[in-house]
């Protein structure tokens, strides 16, 4: 028997295996700022809210950011407010026309 069989040489130190963490999905980008602004402005300046809502939708499609629901809500709220404004304007014109036609003239 040889001497190396009785007294084996120690193995060189091995580097520890890297520890991997649990699976983490890629971080989602935050909310699109323009969709938030469009949503807020849709209540006050409907036309601007509609325009910014459409711009935000196109940005969200390109970048994958969150906020699609806010942008859609801005567009819908803006169009509803414009439609209500048009209806109110028509009713006011009709009311003025009726009031003018029933007025008393003292010629």
C-alpha atoms as a PDB file:
ATOM      1  CA  UNK A   1       0.000   0.000   0.000  1.00  0.00           C
ATOM      2  CA  UNK A   2       1.024   3.446  -0.705  1.00  0.00           C
ATOM      3  CA  UNK A   3       1.247   6.223   1.803  1.00  0.00           C
ATOM      4  CA  UNK A   4      -1.294   8.383  -0.084  1.00  0.00           C
ATOM      5  CA  UNK A   5      -4.077   5.822   0.511  1.00  0.00           C
ATOM      6  CA  UNK A   6      -3.647   5.966   4.272  1.00  0.00           C
ATOM      7  CA  UNK A   7      -3.376   9.732   4.600  1.00  0.00           C
ATOM      8  CA  UNK A   8      -5.359  11.448   1.837  1.00  0.00           C
ATOM      9  CA  UNK A   9      -4.548  15.028   1.065  1.00  0.00           C
ATOM     10  CA  UNK A  10      -7.252  17.563   1.984  1.00  0.00           C
ATOM     11  CA  UNK A  11      -9.280  18.890  -0.894  1.00  0.00           C
ATOM     12  CA  UNK A  12      -8.769  22.509  -1.843  1.00  0.00           C
ATOM     13  CA  UNK A  13     -11.433  24.805  -0.411  1.00  0.00           C
ATOM     14  CA  UNK A  14     -14.448  25.133  -2.680  1.00  0.00           C
ATOM     15  CA  UNK A  15     -16.323  28.322  -3.238  1.00  0.00           C
ATOM     16  CA  UNK A  16     -19.842  28.308  -1.856  1.00  0.00           C
ATOM     17  CA  UNK A  17     -22.645  27.861  -4.328  1.00  0.00           C
ATOM     18  CA  UNK A  18     -24.497  31.118  -4.985  1.00  0.00           C
ATOM     19  CA  UNK A  19     -27.841  31.330  -3.231  1.00  0.00           C
ATOM     20  CA  UNK A  20     -30.718  32.357  -5.419  1.00  0.00           C
ATOM     21  CA  UNK A  21     -33.693  34.196  -3.965  1.00  0.00           C
ATOM     22  CA  UNK A  22     -37.276  33.415  -4.664  1.00  0.00           C
ATOM     23  CA  UNK A  23     -38.643  34.300  -8.057  1.00  0.00           C
ATOM     24  CA  UNK A  24     -39.539  37.968  -8.289  1.00  0.00           C
ATOM     25  CA  UNK A  25     -41.506  39.215 -11.252  1.00  0.00           C
ATOM     26  CA  UNK A  26     -39.998  42.164 -13.057  1.00  0.00           C
ATOM     27  CA  UNK A  27     -40.847  45.460 -11.431  1.00  0.00           C
ATOM     28  CA  UNK A  28     -43.828  47.123 -13.049  1.00  0.00           C
ATOM     29  CA  UNK A  29     -43.363  50.703 -14.056  1.00  0.00           C
ATOM     30  CA  UNK A  30     -45.365  53.236 -12.068  1.00  0.00           C
ATOM     31  CA  UNK A  31     -48.467  55.114 -13.070  1.00  0.00           C
ATOM     32  CA  UNK A  32     -48.393  57.301 -16.137  1.00  0.00           C
ATOM     33  CA  UNK A  33     -48.412  60.870 -14.846  1.00  0.00           C
ATOM     34  CA  UNK A  34     -50.372  62.172 -17.794  1.00  0.00           C
ATOM     35  CA  UNK A  35     -53.207  59.722 -17.073  1.00  0.00           C
ATOM     36  CA  UNK A  36     -53.486  61.090 -13.530  1.00  0.00           C
ATOM     37  CA  UNK A  37     -53.489  64.689 -14.782  1.00  0.00           C
ATOM     38  CA  UNK A  38     -56.038  63.820 -17.488  1.00  0.00           C
ATOM     39  CA  UNK A  39     -58.333  62.211 -14.922  1.00  0.00           C
ATOM     40  CA  UNK A  40     -58.239  65.264 -12.665  1.00  0.00           C
ATOM     41  CA  UNK A  41     -58.673  67.763 -15.511  1.00  0.00           C
ATOM     42  CA  UNK A  42     -61.587  65.803 -16.978  1.00  0.00           C
ATOM     43  CA  UNK A  43     -63.716  67.111 -14.109  1.00  0.00           C
ATOM     44  CA  UNK A  44     -62.772  70.756 -14.608  1.00  0.00           C
ATOM     45  CA  UNK A  45     -61.733  71.249 -18.241  1.00  0.00           C
ATOM     46  CA  UNK A  46     -63.316  68.372 -20.135  1.00  0.00           C
ATOM     47  CA  UNK A  47     -61.746  68.995 -23.541  1.00  0.00           C
ATOM     48  CA  UNK A  48     -58.233  69.093 -22.067  1.00  0.00           C
ATOM     49  CA  UNK A  49     -58.993  65.923 -20.081  1.00  0.00           C
ATOM     50  CA  UNK A  50     -60.104  64.160 -23.266  1.00  0.00           C
ATOM     51  CA  UNK A  51     -56.989  65.178 -25.195  1.00  0.00           C
ATOM     52  CA  UNK A  52     -54.594  64.259 -22.382  1.00  0.00           C
ATOM     53  CA  UNK A  53     -56.460  60.990 -21.869  1.00  0.00           C
ATOM     54  CA  UNK A  54     -55.860  59.964 -25.473  1.00  0.00           C
ATOM     55  CA  UNK A  55     -52.199  61.003 -25.280  1.00  0.00           C
ATOM     56  CA  UNK A  56     -51.800  59.023 -22.039  1.00  0.00           C
ATOM     57  CA  UNK A  57     -53.390  55.935 -23.632  1.00  0.00           C
ATOM     58  CA  UNK A  58     -50.891  56.048 -26.466  1.00  0.00           C
ATOM     59  CA  UNK A  59     -47.973  56.488 -24.038  1.00  0.00           C
ATOM     60  CA  UNK A  60     -49.200  53.607 -21.880  1.00  0.00           C
ATOM     61  CA  UNK A  61     -49.457  51.338 -24.911  1.00  0.00           C
ATOM     62  CA  UNK A  62     -45.865  52.208 -25.855  1.00  0.00           C
ATOM     63  CA  UNK A  63     -44.245  52.099 -22.396  1.00  0.00           C
ATOM     64  CA  UNK A  64     -46.339  49.503 -20.562  1.00  0.00           C
ATOM     65  CA  UNK A  65     -46.936  51.800 -17.595  1.00  0.00           C
ATOM     66  CA  UNK A  66     -49.949  51.548 -15.345  1.00  0.00           C
ATOM     67  CA  UNK A  67     -52.827  54.005 -15.492  1.00  0.00           C
ATOM     68  CA  UNK A  68     -54.826  52.780 -18.465  1.00  0.00           C
ATOM     69  CA  UNK A  69     -58.010  52.826 -16.402  1.00  0.00           C
ATOM     70  CA  UNK A  70     -57.436  56.414 -15.323  1.00  0.00           C
ATOM     71  CA  UNK A  71     -56.839  57.501 -18.915  1.00  0.00           C
ATOM     72  CA  UNK A  72     -59.977  55.714 -20.118  1.00  0.00           C
ATOM     73  CA  UNK A  73     -61.989  57.245 -17.283  1.00  0.00           C
ATOM     74  CA  UNK A  74     -60.700  60.703 -18.236  1.00  0.00           C
ATOM     75  CA  UNK A  75     -61.786  60.222 -21.846  1.00  0.00           C
ATOM     76  CA  UNK A  76     -65.221  58.865 -20.882  1.00  0.00           C
ATOM     77  CA  UNK A  77     -65.886  61.505 -18.210  1.00  0.00           C
ATOM     78  CA  UNK A  78     -64.735  64.246 -20.571  1.00  0.00           C
ATOM     79  CA  UNK A  79     -67.061  63.115 -23.375  1.00  0.00           C
ATOM     80  CA  UNK A  80     -70.004  62.727 -20.968  1.00  0.00           C
ATOM     81  CA  UNK A  81     -69.437  66.243 -19.631  1.00  0.00           C
ATOM     82  CA  UNK A  82     -69.230  67.689 -23.153  1.00  0.00           C
ATOM     83  CA  UNK A  83     -72.478  65.911 -24.093  1.00  0.00           C
ATOM     84  CA  UNK A  84     -74.216  67.189 -20.944  1.00  0.00           C
ATOM     85  CA  UNK A  85     -72.949  70.708 -21.666  1.00  0.00           C
ATOM     86  CA  UNK A  86     -74.336  70.576 -25.211  1.00  0.00           C
ATOM     87  CA  UNK A  87     -77.725  69.319 -23.938  1.00  0.00           C
ATOM     88  CA  UNK A  88     -77.908  72.050 -21.288  1.00  0.00           C
ATOM     89  CA  UNK A  89     -77.033  74.673 -23.904  1.00  0.00           C
ATOM     90  CA  UNK A  90     -79.807  73.414 -26.205  1.00  0.00           C
ATOM     91  CA  UNK A  91     -82.365  73.415 -23.368  1.00  0.00           C
ATOM     92  CA  UNK A  92     -81.375  76.962 -22.381  1.00  0.00           C
ATOM     93  CA  UNK A  93     -81.795  78.136 -25.986  1.00  0.00           C
ATOM     94  CA  UNK A  94     -85.225  76.479 -26.160  1.00  0.00           C
ATOM     95  CA  UNK A  95     -86.253  78.058 -22.854  1.00  0.00           C
ATOM     96  CA  UNK A  96     -85.129  81.507 -24.035  1.00  0.00           C
ATOM     97  CA  UNK A  97     -87.015  81.037 -27.306  1.00  0.00           C
ATOM     98  CA  UNK A  98     -90.205  80.003 -25.508  1.00  0.00           C
ATOM     99  CA  UNK A  99     -89.923  82.886 -23.051  1.00  0.00           C
ATOM    100  CA  UNK A 100     -89.314  85.387 -25.869  1.00  0.00           C
ATOM    101  CA  UNK A 101     -92.261  84.151 -27.931  1.00  0.00           C
ATOM    102  CA  UNK A 102     -94.672  84.413 -24.991  1.00  0.00           C
ATOM    103  CA  UNK A 103     -93.544  87.865 -23.902  1.00  0.00           C
ATOM    104  CA  UNK A 104     -96.066  90.707 -23.772  1.00  0.00           C
ATOM    105  CA  UNK A 105     -95.518  93.467 -26.233  1.00  0.00           C
ATOM    106  CA  UNK A 106     -96.892  96.917 -25.496  1.00  0.00           C
ATOM    107  CA  UNK A 107     -96.666  98.574 -28.881  1.00  0.00           C
END
